[in-house]
Amino acid sequence: MLGLQCSAPRSELKFSNVYRKEAETANLKSTITSSSVIISIEANERTPLLADQNKKRKSYGNKQYVRPNKEPSSSTSRKNMICNYEEPWFHNFRLVAFCLAVISSILIAIYLLIIQTRLPTIGFSLDLVSRDIWSKLSMPLGSLLNHSNVVNIMIGHTGGKSCSNPDSCTQILKEMQNKVNVIKSEMPYNFLIGGDGITYEVRGWDYESGYASVPQNSTLVIGLIGSYTNTAPSALQLQSAYSLIKESIRRKKLQRQYQIYGIRNLTISETDGEALFRHTAKWPRFDTLLHIK
């Protein structure tokens, strides 16, 4: 039996294969297009959100990424307000006033230090001999002092012989006392200081000095035994005089706002006590000389 085999022409087969490939390509494009649609939109002023996202990039290697901006917190706003706040003018005035006060305090401290260095070295020790030890005479000592009124220290010299030990000083004191015994009154001093540095009580802290031409109810009179117009008193006498002033304040017999004055007797000389006053004038509370006749 004769078998016959029929085959399609080659042109038809080629056309069929091309058609099939085109159909498959069309189906693939349709699948891709339907499954993923990519829309590219350029960021501009009409798309602010995209523009903001582009800014929020910060670089890491070759990539950029910007940390998202945060709205400023209330604390940050307050800090900015504080930083931008300008001090009122009176705050600057307070600062200037404070600086001036500090400078003034420093200048005052320097001034006091300079004054202190001009004083003699004083240990503030006082050797005091009471009146009843060196004198046996009973004399009226004058009116009582009101210590709350005592603000003056008068200092001068006796203008006579000097002494350098207790015996010679006590002898001079008795001689001076005998001269005024005629008027039945004690010597016009509250205290006398010898060349040995010992202080001798005359009328003391509780009675007026009786010295003419000085305020009686507000003054303590201190005399240095000897003549100190041309010759300076001893360092012991000056130390004792200053120590006596400090002791008077400590015992509340003299007010702290006291002033020191020098007594110059013009009947003796216009330069009476000049060598003495050259030293006392260096004391912080020394005021001036009181001229008497």
Protein backbone atom coordinates (compact mmCIF):
# COMPACT_ATOMS: atom_id res chain seq x y z
CA MET A 1 0.00 0.00 0.00
CA LEU A 2 1.45 3.21 -1.07
CA GLY A 3 1.68 5.86 1.69
CA LEU A 4 1.64 9.50 0.83
CA GLN A 5 3.20 12.24 3.09
CA CYS A 6 2.18 15.80 2.60
CA SER A 7 4.28 18.66 3.93
CA ALA A 8 3.48 22.34 3.99
CA PRO A 9 5.47 24.64 1.89
CA ARG A 10 8.53 26.31 3.54
CA SER A 11 7.23 29.77 2.95
CA GLU A 12 4.17 29.01 4.97
CA LEU A 13 6.26 27.58 7.83
CA LYS A 14 8.47 30.66 7.94
CA PHE A 15 5.54 32.98 8.04
CA SER A 16 3.99 30.93 10.84
CA ASN A 17 7.15 31.14 12.94
CA VAL A 18 7.46 34.90 12.49
CA TYR A 19 3.90 35.40 13.37
CA ARG A 20 4.30 33.30 16.47
CA LYS A 21 7.36 35.34 17.63
CA GLU A 22 5.61 38.64 17.06
CA ALA A 23 2.63 37.38 19.04
CA GLU A 24 4.88 36.34 21.90
CA THR A 25 6.69 39.68 21.86
CA ALA A 26 3.39 41.53 21.91
CA ASN A 27 2.15 39.43 24.79
CA LEU A 28 5.42 40.06 26.74
CA LYS A 29 5.18 43.81 26.23
CA SER A 30 1.59 43.76 27.31
CA THR A 31 2.51 41.81 30.43
CA ILE A 32 5.35 44.15 31.34
CA THR A 33 3.28 47.25 30.71
CA SER A 34 0.34 45.98 32.72
CA SER A 35 2.42 44.74 35.69
CA SER A 36 4.63 47.83 36.26
CA VAL A 37 3.99 51.39 35.29
CA ILE A 38 6.83 53.84 35.93
CA ILE A 39 5.94 57.52 36.10
CA SER A 40 8.81 59.97 36.22
CA ILE A 41 7.93 63.41 37.60
CA GLU A 42 10.53 66.12 37.83
CA ALA A 43 10.59 68.05 41.14
CA ASN A 44 9.88 71.73 40.75
CA GLU A 45 8.04 74.54 42.50
CA ARG A 46 4.70 72.85 41.66
CA THR A 47 5.77 69.75 43.56
CA PRO A 48 7.07 71.10 46.91
CA LEU A 49 6.92 67.77 48.69
CA LEU A 50 9.28 66.16 46.21
CA ALA A 51 11.56 69.15 46.35
CA ASP A 52 11.67 68.90 50.12
CA GLN A 53 12.52 65.18 49.91
CA ASN A 54 15.45 65.94 47.62
CA LYS A 55 16.85 68.28 50.18
CA LYS A 56 16.58 65.68 52.93
CA ARG A 57 19.58 63.72 51.81
CA LYS A 58 22.84 63.15 53.57
CA SER A 59 25.98 61.86 51.90
CA TYR A 60 27.22 58.43 52.83
CA GLY A 61 30.03 57.46 50.48
CA ASN A 62 28.72 58.08 46.97
CA LYS A 63 25.10 58.25 48.12
CA GLN A 64 23.42 61.26 49.71
CA TYR A 65 21.06 61.32 52.61
CA VAL A 66 19.69 64.36 54.39
CA ARG A 67 18.25 64.02 57.86
CA PRO A 68 14.64 65.16 57.88
CA ASN A 69 14.15 68.65 59.22
CA LYS A 70 12.37 68.94 62.49
CA GLU A 71 10.20 71.73 63.58
CA PRO A 72 12.02 73.86 66.18
CA SER A 73 10.94 72.93 69.66
CA SER A 74 9.69 75.43 72.18
CA SER A 75 12.93 75.13 74.20
CA THR A 76 14.98 75.86 71.08
CA SER A 77 12.82 78.86 70.38
CA ARG A 78 13.34 80.11 73.91
CA LYS A 79 17.11 79.65 73.59
CA ASN A 80 17.12 81.60 70.36
CA MET A 81 15.09 84.32 72.03
CA ILE A 82 17.56 84.43 74.91
CA CYS A 83 20.55 84.55 72.58
CA ASN A 84 19.00 87.34 70.56
CA TYR A 85 17.92 89.23 73.69
CA GLU A 86 19.83 92.45 74.21
CA GLU A 87 20.71 93.59 77.73
CA PRO A 88 19.01 96.82 78.78
CA TRP A 89 21.26 99.80 79.28
CA PHE A 90 20.87 99.81 83.05
CA HIS A 91 22.38 96.31 83.29
CA ASN A 92 25.56 97.71 81.74
CA PHE A 93 25.36 100.56 84.23
CA ARG A 94 25.26 98.07 87.10
CA LEU A 95 28.34 96.34 85.73
CA VAL A 96 30.22 99.63 85.49
CA ALA A 97 29.15 100.58 89.03
CA PHE A 98 30.36 97.21 90.35
CA CYS A 99 33.74 97.63 88.65
CA LEU A 100 34.12 101.13 90.09
CA ALA A 101 33.28 99.83 93.58
CA VAL A 102 35.94 97.11 93.30
CA ILE A 103 38.55 99.59 92.08
CA SER A 104 37.68 102.01 94.91
CA SER A 105 38.03 99.25 97.50
CA ILE A 106 41.45 98.31 96.15
CA LEU A 107 42.61 101.94 96.22
CA ILE A 108 41.38 102.38 99.81
CA ALA A 109 43.18 99.19 100.87
CA ILE A 110 46.41 100.41 99.26
CA TYR A 111 46.06 103.80 100.98
CA LEU A 112 45.53 102.20 104.39
CA LEU A 113 48.52 99.95 103.82
CA ILE A 114 50.71 102.93 102.97
CA ILE A 115 49.53 104.80 106.08
CA GLN A 116 50.17 101.76 108.23
CA THR A 117 53.76 101.47 107.01
CA ARG A 118 54.41 105.05 108.09
CA LEU A 119 53.62 104.25 111.72
CA PRO A 120 56.27 103.16 114.18
CA THR A 121 56.37 99.51 115.10
CA ILE A 122 53.95 99.25 117.99
CA GLY A 123 53.20 96.17 120.04
CA PHE A 124 50.35 97.94 121.87
CA SER A 125 51.77 96.99 125.26
CA LEU A 126 51.16 99.58 127.96
CA ASP A 127 53.11 99.94 131.20
CA LEU A 128 50.81 102.06 133.36
CA VAL A 129 51.64 103.36 136.84
CA SER A 130 48.59 104.57 138.74
CA ARG A 131 48.63 107.93 140.53
CA ASP A 132 48.41 106.54 144.06
CA ILE A 133 51.74 104.70 143.51
CA TRP A 134 53.92 107.65 142.54
CA SER A 135 52.05 110.45 144.42
CA LYS A 136 50.97 110.74 148.03
CA LEU A 137 49.31 114.13 147.68
CA SER A 138 45.57 114.44 147.80
CA MET A 139 44.36 117.01 145.27
CA PRO A 140 41.06 117.70 143.55
CA LEU A 141 41.07 116.11 140.13
CA GLY A 142 38.38 118.24 138.50
CA SER A 143 35.05 117.33 136.91
CA LEU A 144 34.14 113.88 135.74
CA LEU A 145 34.30 113.04 132.06
CA ASN A 146 31.42 111.67 130.03
CA HIS A 147 33.25 109.06 127.98
CA SER A 148 30.66 109.05 125.22
CA ASN A 149 31.75 112.64 124.45
CA VAL A 150 35.52 112.06 124.44
CA VAL A 151 36.67 112.33 120.82
CA ASN A 152 39.87 114.41 121.11
CA ILE A 153 43.44 113.47 121.96
CA MET A 154 45.75 116.43 122.71
CA ILE A 155 49.44 115.60 122.78
CA GLY A 156 52.36 117.83 123.77
CA HIS A 157 55.54 117.92 125.87
CA THR A 158 56.30 119.29 129.30
CA GLY A 159 59.17 121.45 127.98
CA GLY A 160 61.51 120.70 130.91
CA LYS A 161 63.89 117.96 131.94
CA SER A 162 63.62 114.48 130.52
CA CYS A 163 64.00 111.13 132.27
CA SER A 164 64.99 107.61 131.27
CA ASN A 165 64.11 105.41 134.26
CA PRO A 166 61.29 105.13 136.84
CA ASP A 167 63.24 106.83 139.64
CA SER A 168 64.19 109.93 137.64
CA CYS A 169 60.74 110.14 136.07
CA THR A 170 58.99 109.87 139.42
CA GLN A 171 61.24 112.61 140.79
CA ILE A 172 60.34 114.96 137.92
CA LEU A 173 56.64 114.23 138.42
CA LYS A 174 56.82 115.17 142.08
CA GLU A 175 58.66 118.39 141.27
CA MET A 176 56.01 119.36 138.72
CA GLN A 177 53.27 118.49 141.19
CA ASN A 178 54.78 120.71 143.87
CA LYS A 179 54.73 123.69 141.50
CA VAL A 180 50.98 123.45 140.95
CA ASN A 181 50.27 122.60 144.58
CA VAL A 182 50.08 126.35 145.23
CA ILE A 183 46.74 126.54 143.39
CA LYS A 184 45.55 123.32 144.99
CA SER A 185 44.99 121.52 141.72
CA GLU A 186 46.59 118.59 139.98
CA MET A 187 48.81 118.97 136.91
CA PRO A 188 46.78 119.65 133.73
CA TYR A 189 47.37 116.25 132.15
CA ASN A 190 45.48 113.02 132.06
CA PHE A 191 48.70 111.04 131.52
CA LEU A 192 52.44 111.72 131.33
CA ILE A 193 54.94 109.43 129.57
CA GLY A 194 58.61 109.15 130.55
CA GLY A 195 61.62 108.47 128.36
CA ASP A 196 61.61 104.89 129.68
CA GLY A 197 58.26 104.29 128.00
CA ILE A 198 56.31 104.05 131.24
CA THR A 199 52.95 105.86 131.37
CA TYR A 200 52.12 107.67 134.62
CA GLU A 201 48.54 108.40 135.54
CA VAL A 202 47.88 112.03 136.55
CA ARG A 203 44.14 112.69 136.33
CA GLY A 204 43.41 109.47 134.51
CA TRP A 205 40.53 108.53 132.23
CA ASP A 206 37.72 109.65 134.48
CA TYR A 207 38.50 113.36 135.02
CA GLU A 208 38.85 116.42 132.85
CA SER A 209 42.44 117.45 132.13
CA GLY A 210 42.25 121.04 133.42
CA TYR A 211 44.48 122.13 130.51
CA ALA A 212 43.68 125.69 129.45
CA SER A 213 42.37 126.44 125.95
CA VAL A 214 41.22 122.87 125.14
CA PRO A 215 37.68 121.45 125.23
CA GLN A 216 37.46 119.98 128.72
CA ASN A 217 34.51 117.61 128.40
CA SER A 218 35.66 115.88 125.20
CA THR A 219 39.46 115.70 125.52
CA LEU A 220 42.22 113.52 126.94
CA VAL A 221 45.59 115.31 127.28
CA ILE A 222 48.81 113.29 126.97
CA GLY A 223 52.19 114.85 127.79
CA LEU A 224 55.68 113.56 127.05
CA ILE A 225 58.15 114.32 129.83
CA GLY A 226 60.99 116.42 128.38
CA SER A 227 61.62 119.10 125.76
CA TYR A 228 61.16 117.97 122.14
CA THR A 229 61.48 121.06 120.02
CA ASN A 230 64.92 120.24 118.63
CA THR A 231 65.34 116.67 119.86
CA ALA A 232 62.91 113.92 118.94
CA PRO A 233 61.30 111.85 121.71
CA SER A 234 62.41 108.27 122.19
CA ALA A 235 60.78 105.47 120.24
CA LEU A 236 59.50 104.06 123.54
CA GLN A 237 57.65 107.30 124.31
CA LEU A 238 55.98 107.35 120.89
CA GLN A 239 55.04 103.69 121.16
CA SER A 240 53.61 104.19 124.64
CA ALA A 241 51.59 107.24 123.53
CA TYR A 242 50.01 105.31 120.68
CA SER A 243 49.45 102.28 122.91
CA LEU A 244 47.71 104.51 125.44
CA ILE A 245 45.31 105.71 122.75
CA LYS A 246 44.50 102.14 121.77
CA GLU A 247 44.02 101.14 125.38
CA SER A 248 41.66 104.08 125.87
CA ILE A 249 39.51 102.81 123.02
CA ARG A 250 39.59 99.26 124.37
CA ARG A 251 38.39 100.46 127.75
CA LYS A 252 35.71 102.58 126.05
CA LYS A 253 37.17 105.77 127.51
CA LEU A 254 37.67 107.18 124.01
CA GLN A 255 35.36 107.04 120.99
CA ARG A 256 36.56 105.29 117.86
CA GLN A 257 36.02 108.39 115.72
CA TYR A 258 38.67 110.30 117.67
CA GLN A 259 41.12 112.86 116.27
CA ILE A 260 44.67 113.70 117.42
CA TYR A 261 45.87 117.29 117.85
CA GLY A 262 49.24 118.71 118.80
CA ILE A 263 49.52 121.40 121.50
CA ARG A 264 52.00 124.15 120.64
CA ASN A 265 52.73 126.77 123.34
CA LEU A 266 53.48 129.99 121.48
CA THR A 267 54.58 131.73 124.70
CA ILE A 268 57.62 129.46 124.65
CA SER A 269 58.42 129.37 120.92
CA GLU A 270 56.72 129.42 117.56
CA THR A 271 58.37 126.07 116.90
CA ASP A 272 57.50 124.60 120.28
CA GLY A 273 57.44 120.77 120.07
CA GLU A 274 58.51 120.75 116.42
CA ALA A 275 60.54 117.51 116.65
CA LEU A 276 57.65 115.77 118.43
CA PHE A 277 55.02 116.85 115.91
CA ARG A 278 57.11 115.69 112.97
CA HIS A 279 56.44 112.15 114.23
CA THR A 280 52.84 112.47 115.40
CA ALA A 281 51.85 114.13 112.11
CA LYS A 282 52.43 110.75 110.44
CA TRP A 283 49.78 109.05 112.57
CA PRO A 284 46.54 108.22 110.70
CA ARG A 285 44.19 110.32 112.85
CA PHE A 286 46.43 113.31 113.39
CA ASP A 287 44.51 116.47 112.45
CA THR A 288 46.39 119.69 113.15
CA LEU A 289 48.25 121.78 115.73
CA LEU A 290 46.45 123.75 118.40
CA HIS A 291 48.27 127.03 119.17
CA ILE A 292 47.89 128.37 122.71
CA LYS A 293 49.34 131.34 124.57
